Amino acid sequence: MKRVLVLARTFGKYSNEPLKLLQDNGFEVERRENVDADGLKGFDAVIVGVQKITREMMQNSSVKIIAKHGVGVDNIDLEAATELGIPVTVTPNANAVSVAELTIGFIFALSKKLIDLHNTLYQKRQFVSSVGLELHGKTLGVVGFGSIGKEVAKRALCLGMRVLVYDPYVEESVLRELGFEKVELDQLLRQSDFVSLHVPLNESTRHLIDREKLSLMKKTAYLINTARGGVVDEEAIIEALKNGQIAGAALDVFNAEPLPADSPFFDCPNVIMTPHVGAHTYEAILRMNMIAAESIVDFFSGKIPKYVVNNEVIPRLLQRGFARQT
């Protein structure tokens, strides 16, 4: 019997359907929260969330496939997996709507000062008025036009916002047909009232938003990050928040998670923070659960899983007799 190690905390938590899919296909499932260097030993597949999967862990195991419960693979040594012939799969689009809705929620909370007003009334019992912003006519800058960025942009357009997009991999004509404007990053930062980040974390995007880029933003503008903490230089944004260089920020992701209790972010009154919950809706979790489980079932049925990110392993799988899916 093939053994699957489940590290993703929400896999099978709210529905038995993904566990049943694995068990009905002959897999034994074991759940753990953390693993050490030898933690993958004895397993044929792993479903991973935020835990680090290193070269050493893969070399010390018989794991044949790694299914990421999500889309960011910066916690997996992709180069090592490719060298070892281990396909790494993701769950694209599964959480796009959920993260997009959180982003729009952040925009409303920032523009209407909802958190401050709630805390003043609920905690201090003070009935204090405040002046907010209308979103209609404001400019949203979307950095990264993948599945999440696209969903955010569509919703912003419905609110009557002007939408600027920075994504070097998307054709201008495609964006224009959808009602969006393609611009360079510096122009987006200078013109936007809200800047929302939706890029993966890699060497080209690490600290994409640094001191120089923050200095281009309007003093009245807000930065939103639901992507990965490393996309933003945290020292730079803390400095910008404290100095009033930007009006505020809403952050769902951080360099260190959980966020340390002594983080300087707690000294910034103009920031809204949530604990990396963008994908935490019942619907998104179930979709991610099922795609991850289906990837493993397909692989051990001799099919190349649909969402392999290290495509270099696919020729080797074909040589071994694996079939492409139509």
Protein backbone atom coordinates (compact mmCIF):
# COMPACT_ATOMS: atom_id res chain seq x y z
CA MET A 1 0.00 0.00 0.00
CA LYS A 2 1.31 3.44 -0.94
CA ARG A 3 1.76 5.89 1.94
CA VAL A 4 0.93 9.60 1.78
CA LEU A 5 2.24 12.06 4.35
CA VAL A 6 -0.09 15.02 4.88
CA LEU A 7 1.61 18.12 6.26
CA ALA A 8 -0.95 20.69 5.06
CA ARG A 9 -2.94 21.56 8.19
CA THR A 10 -6.27 22.08 6.47
CA PHE A 11 -6.18 19.00 4.24
CA GLY A 12 -9.30 16.99 5.06
CA LYS A 13 -10.15 19.26 7.99
CA TYR A 14 -13.56 20.43 6.80
CA SER A 15 -14.51 17.60 4.46
CA ASN A 16 -13.73 13.88 4.33
CA GLU A 17 -13.97 13.90 0.53
CA PRO A 18 -10.23 14.34 -0.23
CA LEU A 19 -9.21 11.73 2.37
CA LYS A 20 -11.81 9.35 0.99
CA LEU A 21 -10.45 9.87 -2.52
CA LEU A 22 -6.99 8.79 -1.40
CA GLN A 23 -8.20 5.89 0.74
CA ASP A 24 -10.57 4.61 -1.95
CA ASN A 25 -7.59 4.48 -4.31
CA GLY A 26 -5.56 2.35 -1.93
CA PHE A 27 -3.47 4.96 -0.12
CA GLU A 28 -2.62 4.94 3.56
CA VAL A 29 -2.68 8.49 4.92
CA GLU A 30 -0.65 9.78 7.87
CA ARG A 31 -0.86 13.32 9.18
CA ARG A 32 1.96 15.31 10.80
CA GLU A 33 2.52 19.02 11.36
CA ASN A 34 6.30 19.13 11.09
CA VAL A 35 9.12 16.99 9.73
CA ASP A 36 12.85 16.78 10.26
CA ALA A 37 15.56 15.72 7.81
CA ASP A 38 14.38 12.09 7.93
CA GLY A 39 10.69 12.95 8.17
CA LEU A 40 9.77 11.82 4.66
CA LYS A 41 11.22 8.33 5.06
CA GLY A 42 8.75 5.56 4.37
CA PHE A 43 6.37 7.73 2.35
CA ASP A 44 5.63 7.62 -1.36
CA ALA A 45 3.98 11.03 -1.60
CA VAL A 46 3.65 14.18 0.47
CA ILE A 47 1.01 16.89 0.57
CA VAL A 48 2.75 19.97 1.91
CA GLY A 49 1.55 23.35 3.10
CA VAL A 50 4.05 25.91 4.43
CA GLN A 51 6.67 23.47 5.76
CA LYS A 52 10.14 23.46 4.23
CA ILE A 53 10.96 20.53 1.97
CA THR A 54 14.73 20.41 1.52
CA ARG A 55 17.10 18.49 -0.71
CA GLU A 56 18.26 16.42 2.27
CA MET A 57 14.70 15.44 3.14
CA MET A 58 14.03 14.29 -0.41
CA GLN A 59 17.32 12.40 -0.67
CA ASN A 60 16.57 10.60 2.61
CA SER A 61 13.19 9.40 1.38
CA SER A 62 11.41 7.37 -1.25
CA VAL A 63 8.98 10.17 -2.04
CA LYS A 64 7.99 10.11 -5.71
CA ILE A 65 5.69 13.13 -5.88
CA ILE A 66 5.21 16.32 -3.84
CA ALA A 67 1.79 17.96 -3.98
CA LYS A 68 1.82 21.57 -2.78
CA HIS A 69 -1.41 22.58 -1.04
CA GLY A 70 -1.41 26.03 -2.65
CA VAL A 71 0.54 27.72 -5.44
CA GLY A 72 3.70 29.13 -3.85
CA VAL A 73 6.60 26.68 -4.03
CA ASP A 74 9.27 28.86 -2.40
CA ASN A 75 9.28 26.44 0.56
CA ILE A 76 10.27 23.50 -1.66
CA ASP A 77 13.74 22.95 -3.11
CA LEU A 78 12.46 22.79 -6.67
CA GLU A 79 15.92 22.36 -8.17
CA ALA A 80 16.57 19.31 -6.02
CA ALA A 81 13.17 17.83 -6.79
CA THR A 82 13.83 18.22 -10.51
CA GLU A 83 17.28 16.63 -10.26
CA LEU A 84 15.76 13.70 -8.37
CA GLY A 85 12.95 13.33 -10.91
CA ILE A 86 10.23 14.20 -8.40
CA PRO A 87 7.29 16.11 -9.89
CA VAL A 88 6.01 18.99 -7.78
CA THR A 89 2.37 19.93 -8.31
CA VAL A 90 0.35 22.95 -7.23
CA THR A 91 -3.34 23.84 -6.92
CA PRO A 92 -3.74 26.78 -9.33
CA ASN A 93 -6.90 28.90 -9.29
CA ALA A 94 -8.23 27.04 -6.26
CA ASN A 95 -7.74 30.01 -3.95
CA ALA A 96 -7.96 32.83 -6.50
CA VAL A 97 -11.44 34.00 -5.58
CA SER A 98 -10.79 33.78 -1.84
CA VAL A 99 -7.55 35.78 -1.95
CA ALA A 100 -9.10 38.30 -4.33
CA GLU A 101 -12.03 38.81 -1.97
CA LEU A 102 -9.68 39.36 0.97
CA THR A 103 -7.80 41.93 -1.13
CA ILE A 104 -10.99 43.80 -1.92
CA GLY A 105 -11.92 43.57 1.76
CA PHE A 106 -8.58 45.18 2.62
CA ILE A 107 -9.27 47.99 0.15
CA PHE A 108 -12.62 48.69 1.79
CA ALA A 109 -11.14 48.50 5.29
CA LEU A 110 -8.32 50.88 4.42
CA SER A 111 -10.45 53.38 2.53
CA LYS A 112 -13.22 53.50 5.16
CA LYS A 113 -10.89 53.14 8.20
CA LEU A 114 -13.08 50.27 9.38
CA ILE A 115 -10.60 48.71 11.81
CA ASP A 116 -9.84 51.98 13.61
CA LEU A 117 -13.52 52.90 13.84
CA HIS A 118 -14.45 49.48 15.18
CA ASN A 119 -11.67 49.49 17.79
CA THR A 120 -12.52 53.02 18.92
CA LEU A 121 -16.19 52.20 19.34
CA TYR A 122 -16.00 48.60 20.55
CA GLN A 123 -12.94 48.77 22.80
CA LYS A 124 -12.91 52.40 23.92
CA ARG A 125 -16.70 52.97 23.74
CA GLN A 126 -16.02 56.24 21.93
CA PHE A 127 -18.45 57.35 19.21
CA VAL A 128 -15.91 59.17 17.03
CA SER A 129 -16.57 60.13 13.43
CA SER A 130 -14.03 59.77 10.65
CA VAL A 131 -13.80 60.68 6.97
CA GLY A 132 -13.07 57.94 4.46
CA LEU A 133 -12.65 57.60 0.71
CA GLU A 134 -14.93 56.56 -2.11
CA LEU A 135 -13.40 53.86 -4.28
CA HIS A 136 -15.22 54.96 -7.41
CA GLY A 137 -12.76 56.81 -9.60
CA LYS A 138 -9.71 55.76 -7.60
CA THR A 139 -6.80 53.91 -9.21
CA LEU A 140 -5.80 50.39 -8.28
CA GLY A 141 -2.40 49.10 -9.34
CA VAL A 142 -2.27 45.31 -9.71
CA VAL A 143 1.26 43.89 -9.70
CA GLY A 144 1.08 40.44 -11.26
CA PHE A 145 -1.81 39.35 -13.48
CA GLY A 146 -2.06 35.67 -12.65
CA SER A 147 -5.29 34.04 -11.53
CA ILE A 148 -5.51 36.08 -8.30
CA GLY A 149 -4.48 39.40 -9.81
CA LYS A 150 -7.05 38.93 -12.57
CA GLU A 151 -9.84 38.28 -10.06
CA VAL A 152 -8.87 41.37 -8.06
CA ALA A 153 -8.80 43.53 -11.18
CA LYS A 154 -12.23 42.31 -12.31
CA ARG A 155 -13.78 43.18 -8.96
CA ALA A 156 -12.12 46.58 -8.84
CA LEU A 157 -13.49 47.40 -12.28
CA CYS A 158 -17.00 46.62 -11.00
CA LEU A 159 -16.42 49.18 -8.23
CA GLY A 160 -15.72 51.86 -10.80
CA MET A 161 -11.98 51.93 -10.22
CA ARG A 162 -9.34 52.55 -12.85
CA VAL A 163 -7.09 49.48 -12.99
CA LEU A 164 -3.41 49.59 -13.92
CA VAL A 165 -1.54 46.31 -14.39
CA TYR A 166 2.15 45.54 -14.28
CA ASP A 167 3.00 42.11 -15.65
CA PRO A 168 5.74 41.74 -18.29
CA TYR A 169 4.34 38.36 -19.35
CA VAL A 170 0.85 39.56 -20.35
CA GLU A 171 0.17 41.21 -23.70
CA GLU A 172 -1.14 44.77 -23.65
CA SER A 173 -3.92 43.87 -26.07
CA VAL A 174 -5.23 41.21 -23.68
CA LEU A 175 -5.42 43.69 -20.83
CA ARG A 176 -6.97 46.39 -23.00
CA GLU A 177 -9.77 44.06 -24.08
CA LEU A 178 -10.58 43.43 -20.43
CA GLY A 179 -10.67 47.13 -19.60
CA PHE A 180 -7.28 47.38 -17.89
CA GLU A 181 -4.18 49.45 -18.69
CA LYS A 182 -0.73 47.88 -18.95
CA VAL A 183 2.01 50.07 -17.47
CA GLU A 184 5.55 49.77 -16.15
CA LEU A 185 5.98 49.25 -12.42
CA ASP A 186 7.26 52.75 -11.67
CA GLN A 187 4.31 54.35 -13.44
CA LEU A 188 1.90 52.10 -11.57
CA LEU A 189 3.41 53.06 -8.23
CA ARG A 190 3.30 56.79 -9.00
CA GLN A 191 -0.32 56.82 -10.15
CA SER A 192 -2.08 54.28 -7.93
CA ASP A 193 -4.16 55.03 -4.85
CA PHE A 194 -3.95 51.35 -3.90
CA VAL A 195 -1.17 48.95 -4.92
CA SER A 196 -1.90 45.23 -4.62
CA LEU A 197 0.81 42.56 -4.99
CA HIS A 198 0.07 39.22 -6.68
CA VAL A 199 3.41 37.77 -7.80
CA PRO A 200 5.16 34.56 -6.74
CA LEU A 201 8.30 34.82 -4.62
CA ASN A 202 11.44 34.09 -6.59
CA GLU A 203 14.79 35.72 -7.21
CA SER A 204 13.30 38.28 -9.60
CA THR A 205 10.52 39.32 -7.22
CA ARG A 206 12.30 39.22 -3.86
CA HIS A 207 12.15 42.76 -2.42
CA LEU A 208 10.42 43.90 -5.60
CA ILE A 209 8.97 46.64 -3.42
CA ASP A 210 11.95 48.25 -1.70
CA ARG A 211 12.77 51.74 -0.41
CA GLU A 212 13.19 53.12 -3.90
CA LYS A 213 9.85 51.75 -5.08
CA LEU A 214 8.02 52.87 -1.95
CA SER A 215 9.38 56.38 -2.45
CA LEU A 216 7.51 56.53 -5.78
CA MET A 217 4.11 55.98 -4.17
CA LYS A 218 1.77 58.80 -3.24
CA LYS A 219 1.74 59.78 0.42
CA THR A 220 -2.02 59.09 0.30
CA ALA A 221 -1.59 55.61 -1.20
CA TYR A 222 -1.94 52.18 0.41
CA LEU A 223 0.05 48.98 -0.19
CA ILE A 224 -1.62 45.56 0.00
CA ASN A 225 0.32 42.30 0.09
CA THR A 226 -1.47 38.95 -0.09
CA ALA A 227 1.34 37.30 -2.10
CA ARG A 228 4.48 36.46 -0.10
CA GLY A 229 6.24 38.43 2.62
CA GLY A 230 9.56 38.43 0.79
CA VAL A 231 8.14 40.40 -2.14
CA VAL A 232 8.35 43.47 0.11
CA ASP A 233 11.42 44.75 1.95
CA GLU A 234 9.92 44.71 5.44
CA GLU A 235 12.40 47.14 6.93
CA ALA A 236 11.59 49.59 4.17
CA ILE A 237 7.83 49.36 4.53
CA ILE A 238 7.97 49.67 8.33
CA GLU A 239 10.05 52.80 7.85
CA ALA A 240 7.59 54.13 5.24
CA LEU A 241 4.61 53.47 7.52
CA LYS A 242 6.19 55.12 10.54
CA ASN A 243 7.38 58.14 8.54
CA GLY A 244 4.07 58.66 6.78
CA GLN A 245 5.71 58.04 3.42
CA ILE A 246 2.57 56.09 2.49
CA ALA A 247 -0.85 56.30 4.11
CA GLY A 248 -0.98 52.69 5.22
CA ALA A 249 -0.79 49.03 4.34
CA ALA A 250 -2.71 45.77 4.63
CA LEU A 251 -0.61 42.63 4.97
CA ASP A 252 -1.61 38.96 5.02
CA VAL A 253 1.93 37.62 4.58
CA PHE A 254 5.27 38.17 6.30
CA ASN A 255 8.90 37.09 6.09
CA ALA A 256 8.60 35.19 9.36
CA GLU A 257 5.38 33.33 10.04
CA PRO A 258 3.98 33.25 12.66
CA LEU A 259 4.80 36.94 13.06
CA PRO A 260 7.09 37.37 16.10
CA ALA A 261 5.53 39.11 19.09
CA ASP A 262 8.26 41.77 19.00
CA SER A 263 7.78 42.57 15.31
CA PRO A 264 8.10 46.31 14.54
CA PHE A 265 4.84 46.02 12.61
CA PHE A 266 3.04 46.12 15.96
CA ASP A 267 4.34 49.67 16.39
CA CYS A 268 2.71 50.83 13.15
CA PRO A 269 -0.82 52.13 13.78
CA ASN A 270 -1.52 52.50 10.05
CA VAL A 271 -1.28 48.83 9.15
CA ILE A 272 -3.93 46.09 8.99
CA MET A 273 -2.55 42.57 9.51
CA THR A 274 -4.04 39.11 9.14
CA PRO A 275 -2.27 35.77 9.75
CA HIS A 276 -1.88 34.46 6.17
CA VAL A 277 -5.56 33.58 5.78
CA GLY A 278 -6.15 34.67 2.19
CA ALA A 279 -6.91 31.12 1.06
CA HIS A 280 -8.75 30.14 4.23
CA THR A 281 -12.31 29.74 3.05
CA TYR A 282 -14.20 26.47 3.08
CA GLU A 283 -14.55 26.58 -0.69
CA ALA A 284 -10.90 27.29 -1.48
CA ILE A 285 -9.64 24.73 1.02
CA LEU A 286 -11.83 22.00 -0.46
CA ARG A 287 -10.67 22.86 -3.99
CA MET A 288 -7.01 22.75 -2.90
CA ASN A 289 -7.61 19.49 -1.02
CA MET A 290 -9.15 17.80 -4.03
CA ILE A 291 -6.59 19.00 -6.59
CA ALA A 292 -3.70 17.86 -4.37
CA ALA A 293 -5.31 14.46 -3.80
CA GLU A 294 -6.14 14.06 -7.50
CA SER A 295 -2.53 14.82 -8.43
CA ILE A 296 -1.32 11.91 -6.30
CA VAL A 297 -4.02 9.53 -7.53
CA ASP A 298 -3.25 10.42 -11.14
CA PHE A 299 0.50 9.98 -10.67
CA PHE A 300 0.24 6.48 -9.22
CA SER A 301 -2.29 5.61 -11.94
CA GLY A 302 0.41 6.29 -14.52
CA LYS A 303 -0.85 9.73 -15.57
CA ILE A 304 1.16 12.94 -15.55
CA PRO A 305 -0.61 15.20 -13.02
CA LYS A 306 -2.24 18.31 -14.46
CA TYR A 307 -0.35 20.97 -12.56
CA VAL A 308 3.34 20.04 -12.50
CA VAL A 309 5.50 23.15 -11.96
CA ASN A 310 8.93 21.61 -12.61
CA ASN A 311 8.16 20.71 -16.21
CA GLU A 312 11.70 19.39 -16.73
CA VAL A 313 10.63 16.09 -15.11
CA ILE A 314 7.86 15.47 -17.64
CA PRO A 315 10.11 14.00 -20.41
CA ARG A 316 11.47 11.54 -17.87
CA LEU A 317 7.97 10.56 -16.83
CA LEU A 318 7.02 10.01 -20.46
CA GLN A 319 10.06 7.77 -20.91
CA ARG A 320 8.85 5.75 -17.93
CA GLY A 321 5.52 5.18 -19.64
CA PHE A 322 3.42 7.89 -18.01
CA ALA A 323 0.57 9.22 -20.12
CA ARG A 324 -0.32 12.85 -20.74
CA GLN A 325 -3.82 13.92 -19.77
CA THR A 326 -6.07 15.54 -22.35
